[in-house]
Each structure stands twice: as C-alpha cells, then as structure tokens.
Amino acid sequence: MVGRLTSDDAEPKAEQRTLRSLLKRSNYATSDLEALVGPDGAREQRIIAQINDGMIMADGYPASKRQMVLAERAALSRWEDEGGSSSTSGTAQKQVLEGGDDGEG
C-alpha cells in the first residue's frame, strides 16, 4: 500500500509559489497580471482576483491635503484670470472702468 502524506502547509506554500511566479512573470507590476492556462490556472485567476479586489485605483484614491490645497489654488488662479477677482487697487480699477491709459481717451 502506498500512502501520500500531506501537511497543512501544502496549500499555503502552493499559493505562495504561484504568487511569486505570477509577480515574476509580470515583472512585479500588478496591473499586468495574467493567468496562464494549465494546472495552476484556476489558482492564478483566484490570486489575481484577490489582488485586484485589494487595490485602490488612482481615480478612486482619496486626495491628500496637499493635492486639495494645490487644486484650490489652481481653481482660484483660473477664476482670477477670467476677471472674477476684484482685488485690483483703486487706481487700477478706475483705469479699467474708465478705459484709461490706452491712448483712446
């Protein structure tokens, strides 16, 4: 009689071996993971699905405080460039309103 001994560590070691193989094939880029057809294909697809479920894509990632401040500054700058700002000095504002200093008046 021939018996086969298995340990509880066999499945986790196989998962780890498959994960390493996947990452090495994709040059450690998780966006390029592809499962091969073969005996480990189902395991590879399961691992890829787990990785994709755990990833946060760039468009869904929350903005940092620094990014929010920079975005606010850029929005304010665009608004000021469109003439929405009233922060010009009194003399400059008067010239703009009177159409002065352009040689026509």
C-alpha atoms as a PDB file:
ATOM      1  CA  MET A   1       0.000   0.000   0.000  1.00  0.00           C
ATOM      2  CA  VAL A   2       1.280   3.428  -0.965  1.00  0.00           C
ATOM      3  CA  GLY A   3       0.246   6.389   1.111  1.00  0.00           C
ATOM      4  CA  ARG A   4       0.712  10.032   0.474  1.00  0.00           C
ATOM      5  CA  LEU A   5       1.472  12.338   3.330  1.00  0.00           C
ATOM      6  CA  THR A   6       0.291  15.897   3.087  1.00  0.00           C
ATOM      7  CA  SER A   7       0.720  18.666   5.528  1.00  0.00           C
ATOM      8  CA  ASP A   8      -1.476  21.614   6.346  1.00  0.00           C
ATOM      9  CA  ASP A   9       1.246  23.846   4.880  1.00  0.00           C
ATOM     10  CA  ALA A  10       0.942  22.385   1.371  1.00  0.00           C
ATOM     11  CA  GLU A  11      -1.818  24.717   0.142  1.00  0.00           C
ATOM     12  CA  PRO A  12      -0.362  27.983   1.514  1.00  0.00           C
ATOM     13  CA  LYS A  13       3.049  27.058   0.055  1.00  0.00           C
ATOM     14  CA  ALA A  14       1.455  26.354  -3.321  1.00  0.00           C
ATOM     15  CA  GLU A  15      -0.351  29.717  -3.166  1.00  0.00           C
ATOM     16  CA  GLN A  16       2.897  31.471  -2.298  1.00  0.00           C
ATOM     17  CA  ARG A  17       4.769  29.694  -5.101  1.00  0.00           C
ATOM     18  CA  THR A  18       2.027  30.631  -7.585  1.00  0.00           C
ATOM     19  CA  LEU A  19       2.009  34.261  -6.399  1.00  0.00           C
ATOM     20  CA  ARG A  20       5.771  34.526  -6.814  1.00  0.00           C
ATOM     21  CA  SER A  21       5.526  33.033 -10.287  1.00  0.00           C
ATOM     22  CA  LEU A  22       2.768  35.485 -11.267  1.00  0.00           C
ATOM     23  CA  LEU A  23       4.679  38.505  -9.996  1.00  0.00           C
ATOM     24  CA  LYS A  24       7.929  37.433 -11.623  1.00  0.00           C
ATOM     25  CA  ARG A  25       6.207  36.904 -14.997  1.00  0.00           C
ATOM     26  CA  SER A  26       4.665  40.378 -14.866  1.00  0.00           C
ATOM     27  CA  ASN A  27       7.944  41.978 -13.751  1.00  0.00           C
ATOM     28  CA  TYR A  28       6.306  42.755 -10.384  1.00  0.00           C
ATOM     29  CA  ALA A  29       3.673  45.044 -11.936  1.00  0.00           C
ATOM     30  CA  THR A  30       0.285  44.130 -10.506  1.00  0.00           C
ATOM     31  CA  SER A  31      -1.516  45.833 -13.387  1.00  0.00           C
ATOM     32  CA  ASP A  32      -0.001  43.335 -15.862  1.00  0.00           C
ATOM     33  CA  LEU A  33      -1.027  40.085 -14.170  1.00  0.00           C
ATOM     34  CA  GLU A  34      -2.325  37.368 -16.491  1.00  0.00           C
ATOM     35  CA  ALA A  35      -3.183  33.794 -15.605  1.00  0.00           C
ATOM     36  CA  LEU A  36      -1.673  31.013 -17.687  1.00  0.00           C
ATOM     37  CA  VAL A  37      -3.657  28.084 -18.976  1.00  0.00           C
ATOM     38  CA  GLY A  38      -2.646  24.955 -17.163  1.00  0.00           C
ATOM     39  CA  PRO A  39      -2.927  23.081 -13.902  1.00  0.00           C
ATOM     40  CA  ASP A  40      -2.403  26.223 -11.805  1.00  0.00           C
ATOM     41  CA  GLY A  41      -4.645  28.422 -13.984  1.00  0.00           C
ATOM     42  CA  ALA A  42      -7.584  28.455 -11.566  1.00  0.00           C
ATOM     43  CA  ARG A  43      -5.305  29.235  -8.627  1.00  0.00           C
ATOM     44  CA  GLU A  44      -3.669  32.070 -10.612  1.00  0.00           C
ATOM     45  CA  GLN A  45      -7.054  33.539 -11.530  1.00  0.00           C
ATOM     46  CA  ARG A  46      -8.119  33.423  -7.879  1.00  0.00           C
ATOM     47  CA  ILE A  47      -4.916  35.168  -6.755  1.00  0.00           C
ATOM     48  CA  ILE A  48      -5.266  37.837  -9.464  1.00  0.00           C
ATOM     49  CA  ALA A  49      -8.876  38.461  -8.396  1.00  0.00           C
ATOM     50  CA  GLN A  50      -7.763  38.865  -4.765  1.00  0.00           C
ATOM     51  CA  ILE A  51      -5.037  41.324  -5.758  1.00  0.00           C
ATOM     52  CA  ASN A  52      -7.426  43.362  -7.930  1.00  0.00           C
ATOM     53  CA  ASP A  53     -10.059  43.425  -5.163  1.00  0.00           C
ATOM     54  CA  GLY A  54      -7.484  44.773  -2.717  1.00  0.00           C
ATOM     55  CA  MET A  55      -6.140  47.523  -4.982  1.00  0.00           C
ATOM     56  CA  ILE A  56      -7.336  51.121  -4.989  1.00  0.00           C
ATOM     57  CA  MET A  57      -7.140  52.583  -8.470  1.00  0.00           C
ATOM     58  CA  ALA A  58      -5.741  56.088  -8.904  1.00  0.00           C
ATOM     59  CA  ASP A  59      -9.086  57.627  -9.815  1.00  0.00           C
ATOM     60  CA  GLY A  60     -10.711  56.217  -6.677  1.00  0.00           C
ATOM     61  CA  TYR A  61      -7.884  57.138  -4.307  1.00  0.00           C
ATOM     62  CA  PRO A  62      -8.736  59.968  -1.922  1.00  0.00           C
ATOM     63  CA  ALA A  63      -6.862  63.216  -2.490  1.00  0.00           C
ATOM     64  CA  SER A  64      -4.251  64.266   0.038  1.00  0.00           C
ATOM     65  CA  LYS A  65      -4.410  67.594   1.862  1.00  0.00           C
ATOM     66  CA  ARG A  66      -1.595  68.888  -0.329  1.00  0.00           C
ATOM     67  CA  GLN A  67      -3.448  67.928  -3.519  1.00  0.00           C
ATOM     68  CA  MET A  68      -6.611  69.640  -2.277  1.00  0.00           C
ATOM     69  CA  VAL A  69      -4.711  72.867  -1.457  1.00  0.00           C
ATOM     70  CA  LEU A  70      -2.999  72.859  -4.858  1.00  0.00           C
ATOM     71  CA  ALA A  71      -6.321  72.222  -6.622  1.00  0.00           C
ATOM     72  CA  GLU A  72      -7.923  75.094  -4.694  1.00  0.00           C
ATOM     73  CA  ARG A  73      -5.079  77.431  -5.638  1.00  0.00           C
ATOM     74  CA  ALA A  74      -5.326  76.410  -9.302  1.00  0.00           C
ATOM     75  CA  ALA A  75      -9.095  76.976  -9.296  1.00  0.00           C
ATOM     76  CA  LEU A  76      -8.650  80.402  -7.693  1.00  0.00           C
ATOM     77  CA  SER A  77      -5.986  81.313 -10.238  1.00  0.00           C
ATOM     78  CA  ARG A  78      -8.293  80.331 -13.113  1.00  0.00           C
ATOM     79  CA  TRP A  79     -11.101  82.366 -11.583  1.00  0.00           C
ATOM     80  CA  GLU A  80      -8.844  85.427 -11.245  1.00  0.00           C
ATOM     81  CA  ASP A  81      -7.678  85.068 -14.858  1.00  0.00           C
ATOM     82  CA  GLU A  82     -11.299  85.186 -16.005  1.00  0.00           C
ATOM     83  CA  GLY A  83     -11.835  88.621 -14.475  1.00  0.00           C
ATOM     84  CA  GLY A  84     -13.744  87.440 -11.432  1.00  0.00           C
ATOM     85  CA  SER A  85     -11.339  88.978  -8.978  1.00  0.00           C
ATOM     86  CA  SER A  86     -11.963  92.399  -7.504  1.00  0.00           C
ATOM     87  CA  SER A  87      -8.616  92.616  -5.753  1.00  0.00           C
ATOM     88  CA  THR A  88      -7.153  95.278  -8.073  1.00  0.00           C
ATOM     89  CA  SER A  89      -6.113  98.534  -6.462  1.00  0.00           C
ATOM     90  CA  GLY A  90      -8.423 101.544  -6.608  1.00  0.00           C
ATOM     91  CA  THR A  91      -6.389 103.394  -9.271  1.00  0.00           C
ATOM     92  CA  ALA A  92      -6.003 100.366 -11.499  1.00  0.00           C
ATOM     93  CA  GLN A  93      -9.681  99.549 -11.104  1.00  0.00           C
ATOM     94  CA  LYS A  94     -10.642 103.137 -12.008  1.00  0.00           C
ATOM     95  CA  GLN A  95      -8.458 102.973 -15.140  1.00  0.00           C
ATOM     96  CA  VAL A  96     -10.087  99.729 -16.201  1.00  0.00           C
ATOM     97  CA  LEU A  97     -13.578 101.139 -15.657  1.00  0.00           C
ATOM     98  CA  GLU A  98     -12.833 104.438 -17.425  1.00  0.00           C
ATOM     99  CA  GLY A  99     -10.919 102.733 -20.247  1.00  0.00           C
ATOM    100  CA  GLY A 100      -7.963 104.972 -19.489  1.00  0.00           C
ATOM    101  CA  ASP A 101      -4.273 104.684 -20.289  1.00  0.00           C
ATOM    102  CA  ASP A 102      -4.732 103.006 -23.649  1.00  0.00           C
ATOM    103  CA  GLY A 103      -4.402 106.193 -25.683  1.00  0.00           C
ATOM    104  CA  GLU A 104      -8.035 106.391 -26.756  1.00  0.00           C
ATOM    105  CA  GLY A 105      -9.413 108.572 -24.049  1.00  0.00           C
END
